[in-house]
Amino acid sequence: HMQQDYAEAAALLRRAAARDGAFVVRRARLLAAPRAALRLDSEPKRAQAKQRLLDAIARYDAAKVASPTDGVPVDFGVSGGELDAETGKPVNLLSKLSKVSDELGVAACEVVAAVEALEPFNPTADPTRFFGTAEGALCPLHGAWKLQFTTAADASFSSNSTRGAARTQQFVDAVKSTIVNQIDFLGESAALQQLRIVINAKATSPRAVALDFRYGVAHVRRLFGLPVRVKLFLPLFALFAIAKFVRAVLQLLRRQPKAPPAAPAQFEVVYLDDELRCHRTGEGNLFVQLRPAAAALRGLADA
C-alpha cells in the first residue's frame, strides 16, 4: 500500500497548495509516512524512530538534489516568497514542495511524519532547564546546532535563487539568553558571505522559548557587482516595527478587516536528546537540527 499512500499524499499536497488547508496538509503528512512509523505499539524503541527520521531526511536531500530547481526557490522579502505579505512572518513551504516534484513533496511529508512519530519518545522533559541562569551551560539546548531540515522559507536556501545556496547553523548561549542564527553563503558569486541574526531569548515553559529578534550583521562581498568587504548592521527590531506600521496603514487605506494577531515569535521543543533537536515555531514551521559532530558523523547534508 506504500505506493498508493505516496500517490494520495502527493495529490493532497497539490490540493493544500491551492487551498492552504491545515487539515489537508496534516492528512498528507500522515499518509506519506510508512504505516509502521505511525503505530507506536509497533515501534517501541526510540532509536528506531530516530533512525527513521534521519533516513527520511537523507531521502529528502536526495529528492531535493534530483529536483529540477534544487527545492523551492526562495529570495529575500515578500516578493521573493520568504515572508507572508499579510503577517510578515516566514512562509511555510510544505504545501509548495509538490509543485517542484511529487517526489520532493512526498519526501518532505515523510520527514514531518517521522518527527511526529518520534515526538512521544522525547527523552528530555525539560529542555529549557537552566536557560537564562548562571548554570546555563548545563541547559540541554546550549551550544551549536546545524540545520538538517525545515519547512520555513526564511531558513531555506537553494542554488537557483538570487541569494544562493547556504549552510545554516545556530548557536544557543543559555547563560546569556541569546541565540545567533548564522547563515554562510556558498560560492564566490553570492553577494553576501555571511549573515548573523542575534536574538534575545527567554524560556516561557519547560519546552518553549520566546524570541526577540534584535539585530543582524551582514558580511557583504559584492555590491552592485563589484567585489567589496563590507560589514552592515541591521537593526531588526526597528525594521520589524516599521513593517508592522506600514501593513497597518495599508490595511486602513484599503479598508481591509483587521488582520488576526500574528503568531508569537517562539519555538517549542518537541524532541531533544544529546545530538538531535526538533522544534516547531509559532507559525507552525518545523526545524530539525543536529549537533555538528553528529551531523559530520552521519554524513547528512546541511539544509
Protein backbone atom coordinates (compact mmCIF):
# COMPACT_ATOMS: atom_id res chain seq x y z
CA HIS A 1 0.00 0.00 0.00
CA MET A 2 3.05 2.28 0.23
CA GLN A 3 2.89 3.41 -3.41
CA GLN A 4 -0.81 4.18 -3.10
CA ASP A 5 -0.20 6.19 0.09
CA TYR A 6 2.52 8.25 -1.58
CA ALA A 7 0.32 8.99 -4.62
CA GLU A 8 -2.54 10.11 -2.41
CA ALA A 9 -0.19 12.23 -0.30
CA ALA A 10 1.14 13.99 -3.40
CA ALA A 11 -2.41 14.68 -4.59
CA LEU A 12 -3.35 16.08 -1.19
CA LEU A 13 -0.30 18.31 -1.19
CA ARG A 14 -1.35 19.77 -4.53
CA ARG A 15 -4.79 20.47 -3.05
CA ALA A 16 -3.13 22.01 0.00
CA ALA A 17 -1.13 24.35 -2.20
CA ALA A 18 -4.35 25.55 -3.79
CA ARG A 19 -6.48 25.65 -0.64
CA ASP A 20 -3.79 26.06 2.03
CA GLY A 21 -5.94 23.92 4.27
CA ALA A 22 -4.31 22.84 7.53
CA PHE A 23 -6.37 19.64 7.64
CA VAL A 24 -5.33 18.66 4.12
CA VAL A 25 -1.65 19.24 4.88
CA ARG A 26 -1.84 17.20 8.08
CA ARG A 27 -3.63 14.34 6.31
CA ALA A 28 -0.93 14.36 3.64
CA ARG A 29 1.76 14.10 6.31
CA LEU A 30 0.15 11.03 7.79
CA LEU A 31 -0.42 9.27 4.50
CA ALA A 32 3.12 9.86 3.31
CA ALA A 33 4.74 8.15 6.28
CA PRO A 34 5.33 4.40 6.40
CA ARG A 35 2.44 2.83 8.26
CA ALA A 36 4.72 1.15 10.80
CA ALA A 37 6.18 4.51 11.81
CA LEU A 38 2.76 5.76 12.81
CA ARG A 39 1.92 2.80 15.08
CA LEU A 40 3.55 3.43 18.38
CA ASP A 41 2.79 -0.09 19.54
CA SER A 42 4.80 -1.49 16.60
CA GLU A 43 7.67 0.96 17.03
CA PRO A 44 8.54 0.76 20.75
CA LYS A 45 12.16 1.81 20.55
CA ARG A 46 13.18 5.43 20.42
CA ALA A 47 16.35 4.58 18.49
CA GLN A 48 14.35 3.06 15.65
CA ALA A 49 12.05 6.09 15.42
CA LYS A 50 15.06 8.39 15.44
CA GLN A 51 16.77 6.43 12.68
CA ARG A 52 13.59 6.61 10.60
CA LEU A 53 13.73 10.39 10.84
CA LEU A 54 17.38 10.57 9.81
CA ASP A 55 16.70 8.20 6.90
CA ALA A 56 13.73 10.35 5.84
CA ILE A 57 15.92 13.46 5.84
CA ALA A 58 18.51 11.66 3.68
CA ARG A 59 15.76 10.76 1.18
CA TYR A 60 14.52 14.36 1.21
CA ASP A 61 18.05 15.62 0.49
CA ALA A 62 18.34 13.19 -2.42
CA ALA A 63 14.95 14.28 -3.81
CA LYS A 64 15.97 17.92 -3.49
CA VAL A 65 19.20 17.36 -5.43
CA ALA A 66 17.28 15.44 -8.10
CA SER A 67 14.58 18.11 -8.42
CA PRO A 68 14.79 20.48 -11.40
CA THR A 69 15.11 23.60 -9.20
CA ASP A 70 17.02 22.36 -6.12
CA GLY A 71 13.92 22.67 -3.96
CA VAL A 72 11.60 25.70 -3.79
CA PRO A 73 13.47 28.83 -4.98
CA VAL A 74 13.24 31.48 -2.24
CA ASP A 75 14.61 35.02 -2.26
CA PHE A 76 14.51 37.76 0.35
CA GLY A 77 11.31 39.51 1.41
CA VAL A 78 7.66 39.20 0.41
CA SER A 79 8.37 39.39 -3.32
CA GLY A 80 10.92 36.59 -3.03
CA GLY A 81 8.47 34.25 -1.31
CA GLU A 82 10.31 34.39 2.03
CA LEU A 83 7.72 36.33 4.05
CA ASP A 84 3.93 36.37 4.10
CA ALA A 85 2.50 39.64 2.77
CA GLU A 86 -0.21 39.85 5.44
CA THR A 87 1.73 38.89 8.57
CA GLY A 88 5.36 39.47 7.65
CA LYS A 89 6.12 36.01 9.08
CA PRO A 90 8.12 33.25 7.33
CA VAL A 91 6.17 31.29 4.72
CA ASN A 92 5.63 27.56 5.31
CA LEU A 93 6.94 25.73 2.24
CA LEU A 94 5.42 22.32 2.92
CA SER A 95 2.43 22.73 0.60
CA LYS A 96 4.64 24.20 -2.16
CA LEU A 97 7.15 21.37 -2.45
CA SER A 98 4.93 19.11 -4.56
CA LYS A 99 4.83 21.88 -7.18
CA VAL A 100 8.52 21.23 -7.69
CA SER A 101 8.08 17.45 -7.89
CA ASP A 102 5.82 14.81 -6.38
CA GLU A 103 8.89 13.02 -5.04
CA LEU A 104 10.09 16.10 -3.17
CA GLY A 105 6.64 16.76 -1.70
CA VAL A 106 6.26 13.18 -0.52
CA ALA A 107 9.81 13.12 0.90
CA ALA A 108 9.05 16.25 2.93
CA CYS A 109 5.85 14.65 4.24
CA GLU A 110 7.85 11.63 5.33
CA VAL A 111 10.17 13.85 7.38
CA VAL A 112 7.26 15.66 9.06
CA ALA A 113 5.51 12.37 9.84
CA ALA A 114 8.75 10.87 11.19
CA VAL A 115 9.12 13.80 13.60
CA GLU A 116 5.53 13.29 14.78
CA ALA A 117 6.24 9.59 15.28
CA LEU A 118 9.41 10.38 17.26
CA GLU A 119 7.83 13.07 19.45
CA PRO A 120 6.25 10.67 22.01
CA PHE A 121 9.72 9.22 22.69
CA ASN A 122 11.24 12.58 23.67
CA PRO A 123 13.72 11.75 26.49
CA THR A 124 14.09 15.36 27.69
CA ALA A 125 11.12 16.50 29.77
CA ASP A 126 12.54 19.99 30.46
CA PRO A 127 14.64 21.21 27.50
CA THR A 128 14.80 24.77 28.86
CA ARG A 129 16.12 23.80 32.30
CA PHE A 130 18.86 26.24 33.44
CA PHE A 131 18.13 28.54 30.47
CA GLY A 132 18.97 32.13 31.38
CA THR A 133 20.83 31.22 34.58
CA ALA A 134 24.46 31.12 35.65
CA GLU A 135 24.28 27.35 35.09
CA GLY A 136 23.03 27.86 31.52
CA ALA A 137 25.87 25.78 30.10
CA LEU A 138 24.06 22.77 31.58
CA CYS A 139 20.89 23.54 29.61
CA PRO A 140 20.18 20.79 27.03
CA LEU A 141 19.70 23.47 24.34
CA HIS A 142 23.05 25.16 24.98
CA GLY A 143 25.66 25.04 22.23
CA ALA A 144 25.86 24.72 18.46
CA TRP A 145 23.27 23.13 16.16
CA LYS A 146 23.34 22.52 12.39
CA LEU A 147 20.11 22.71 10.42
CA GLN A 148 19.16 19.50 8.59
CA PHE A 149 15.56 20.14 7.56
CA THR A 150 12.99 22.92 7.77
CA THR A 151 9.67 23.97 6.27
CA ALA A 152 10.42 27.68 6.91
CA ALA A 153 11.10 29.78 3.81
CA ASP A 154 13.41 32.23 5.61
CA ALA A 155 15.77 29.37 6.52
CA SER A 156 15.62 27.62 3.11
CA PHE A 157 18.30 28.27 0.52
CA SER A 158 18.87 26.92 -2.98
CA SER A 159 21.50 27.36 -5.67
CA ASN A 160 18.99 28.66 -8.25
CA SER A 161 17.81 31.66 -6.20
CA THR A 162 19.29 35.16 -6.14
CA ARG A 163 20.57 34.75 -2.58
CA GLY A 164 22.11 31.37 -3.45
CA ALA A 165 22.86 28.18 -1.57
CA ALA A 166 23.90 28.40 2.08
CA ARG A 167 24.69 26.44 5.23
CA THR A 168 22.74 27.34 8.33
CA GLN A 169 23.65 26.79 11.95
CA GLN A 170 22.55 28.12 15.30
CA PHE A 171 24.44 28.96 18.48
CA VAL A 172 22.45 28.90 21.72
CA ASP A 173 24.00 30.68 24.70
CA ALA A 174 21.79 29.64 27.59
CA VAL A 175 23.91 31.64 30.04
CA LYS A 176 23.44 34.98 28.24
CA SER A 177 19.92 34.07 26.98
CA THR A 178 20.87 34.73 23.37
CA ILE A 179 20.57 32.78 20.14
CA VAL A 180 22.59 33.51 17.00
CA ASN A 181 21.42 32.20 13.64
CA GLN A 182 24.38 32.07 11.27
CA ILE A 183 23.99 31.70 7.51
CA ASP A 184 27.13 31.07 5.45
CA PHE A 185 26.53 31.60 1.74
CA LEU A 186 28.30 29.31 -0.70
CA GLY A 187 30.12 30.35 -3.85
CA GLU A 188 32.15 33.45 -4.61
CA SER A 189 29.35 34.87 -6.78
CA ALA A 190 27.00 35.30 -3.80
CA ALA A 191 26.59 38.94 -2.75
CA LEU A 192 26.58 38.00 0.92
CA GLN A 193 29.33 35.99 2.55
CA GLN A 194 27.63 35.59 5.92
CA LEU A 195 24.56 36.78 7.80
CA ARG A 196 24.29 36.55 11.59
CA ILE A 197 20.97 37.23 13.32
CA VAL A 198 21.16 37.99 17.04
CA ILE A 199 18.10 37.11 19.12
CA ASN A 200 17.27 37.65 22.77
CA ALA A 201 15.58 34.54 24.15
CA LYS A 202 13.55 33.71 27.24
CA ALA A 203 12.26 30.34 28.43
CA THR A 204 8.49 30.62 28.91
CA SER A 205 7.79 26.98 29.78
CA PRO A 206 9.76 23.73 30.12
CA ARG A 207 9.56 23.32 26.33
CA ALA A 208 9.02 26.82 24.89
CA VAL A 209 11.38 29.74 24.22
CA ALA A 210 10.20 33.25 23.30
CA LEU A 211 12.31 35.10 20.72
CA ASP A 212 13.06 38.81 20.36
CA PHE A 213 14.93 39.49 17.10
CA ARG A 214 17.35 42.35 17.83
CA TYR A 215 19.82 42.90 15.01
CA GLY A 216 21.68 41.33 12.14
CA VAL A 217 25.25 41.61 10.89
CA ALA A 218 25.73 41.08 7.16
CA HIS A 219 29.17 40.43 5.69
CA VAL A 220 28.93 41.69 2.09
CA ARG A 221 31.44 40.62 -0.54
CA ARG A 222 29.74 42.03 -3.66
CA LEU A 223 27.92 45.33 -4.08
CA PHE A 224 26.45 46.33 -7.46
CA GLY A 225 28.53 43.55 -8.97
CA LEU A 226 31.81 44.85 -7.58
CA PRO A 227 33.94 42.92 -5.05
CA VAL A 228 33.88 44.59 -1.63
CA ARG A 229 34.45 43.69 2.03
CA VAL A 230 31.73 45.48 3.98
CA LYS A 231 30.01 44.71 7.27
CA LEU A 232 26.46 46.04 7.63
CA PHE A 233 24.50 46.42 10.88
CA LEU A 234 20.76 45.71 10.51
CA PRO A 235 18.51 46.91 13.39
CA LEU A 236 15.86 44.22 13.02
CA PHE A 237 13.67 45.40 15.91
CA ALA A 238 13.26 48.79 14.17
CA LEU A 239 12.73 47.26 10.72
CA PHE A 240 10.03 44.90 12.08
CA ALA A 241 8.26 47.82 13.79
CA ILE A 242 8.29 49.87 10.58
CA ALA A 243 7.00 46.94 8.52
CA LYS A 244 4.17 46.34 11.01
CA PHE A 245 3.19 50.02 10.86
CA VAL A 246 3.21 50.06 7.04
CA ARG A 247 1.00 46.94 6.89
CA ALA A 248 -1.46 48.52 9.34
CA VAL A 249 -1.64 51.75 7.27
CA LEU A 250 -2.17 49.84 4.03
CA GLN A 251 -4.98 47.81 5.60
CA LEU A 252 -6.62 51.02 6.79
CA LEU A 253 -6.32 52.71 3.39
CA ARG A 254 -7.69 49.66 1.61
CA ARG A 255 -10.43 49.32 4.24
CA GLN A 256 -9.45 45.75 4.86
CA PRO A 257 -10.56 43.96 8.03
CA LYS A 258 -8.06 44.00 10.85
CA ALA A 259 -5.56 41.18 10.46
CA PRO A 260 -5.64 38.45 13.11
CA PRO A 261 -2.92 38.64 15.77
CA ALA A 262 0.41 37.41 14.46
CA ALA A 263 1.78 34.14 15.81
CA PRO A 264 4.25 34.74 18.63
CA ALA A 265 7.95 34.63 17.82
CA GLN A 266 8.87 31.48 19.68
CA PHE A 267 9.70 27.82 19.31
CA GLU A 268 8.57 24.75 21.20
CA VAL A 269 10.85 21.74 21.51
CA VAL A 270 9.11 18.51 20.50
CA TYR A 271 12.17 16.25 20.72
CA LEU A 272 15.64 16.69 22.19
CA ASP A 273 18.48 14.33 23.02
CA ASP A 274 22.23 14.77 23.16
CA GLU A 275 22.58 15.05 19.38
CA LEU A 276 19.15 15.65 17.79
CA ARG A 277 16.70 18.52 18.25
CA CYS A 278 13.28 19.06 16.68
CA HIS A 279 11.14 22.13 17.30
CA ARG A 280 8.13 23.98 15.88
CA THR A 281 7.84 27.75 15.66
CA GLY A 282 4.83 29.88 16.49
CA GLU A 283 3.94 29.88 12.79
CA GLY A 284 3.98 26.08 12.72
CA ASN A 285 7.24 25.69 10.83
CA LEU A 286 9.31 22.62 11.65
CA PHE A 287 13.07 22.57 12.26
CA VAL A 288 15.31 19.51 12.64
CA GLN A 289 18.87 20.11 13.84
CA LEU A 290 21.91 18.03 14.79
CA ARG A 291 24.96 18.75 16.87
CA PRO A 292 27.87 19.47 14.46
CA ALA A 293 29.73 16.30 15.46
CA ALA A 294 26.63 14.16 14.91
CA ALA A 295 25.95 15.80 11.54
CA ALA A 296 29.53 15.11 10.41
CA LEU A 297 29.42 11.53 11.69
CA ARG A 298 26.15 10.74 9.94
CA GLY A 299 27.15 12.49 6.73
CA LEU A 300 23.88 14.39 6.39
CA ALA A 301 23.94 17.48 4.21
CA ASP A 302 23.21 20.93 5.62
CA ALA A 303 19.72 22.23 4.81
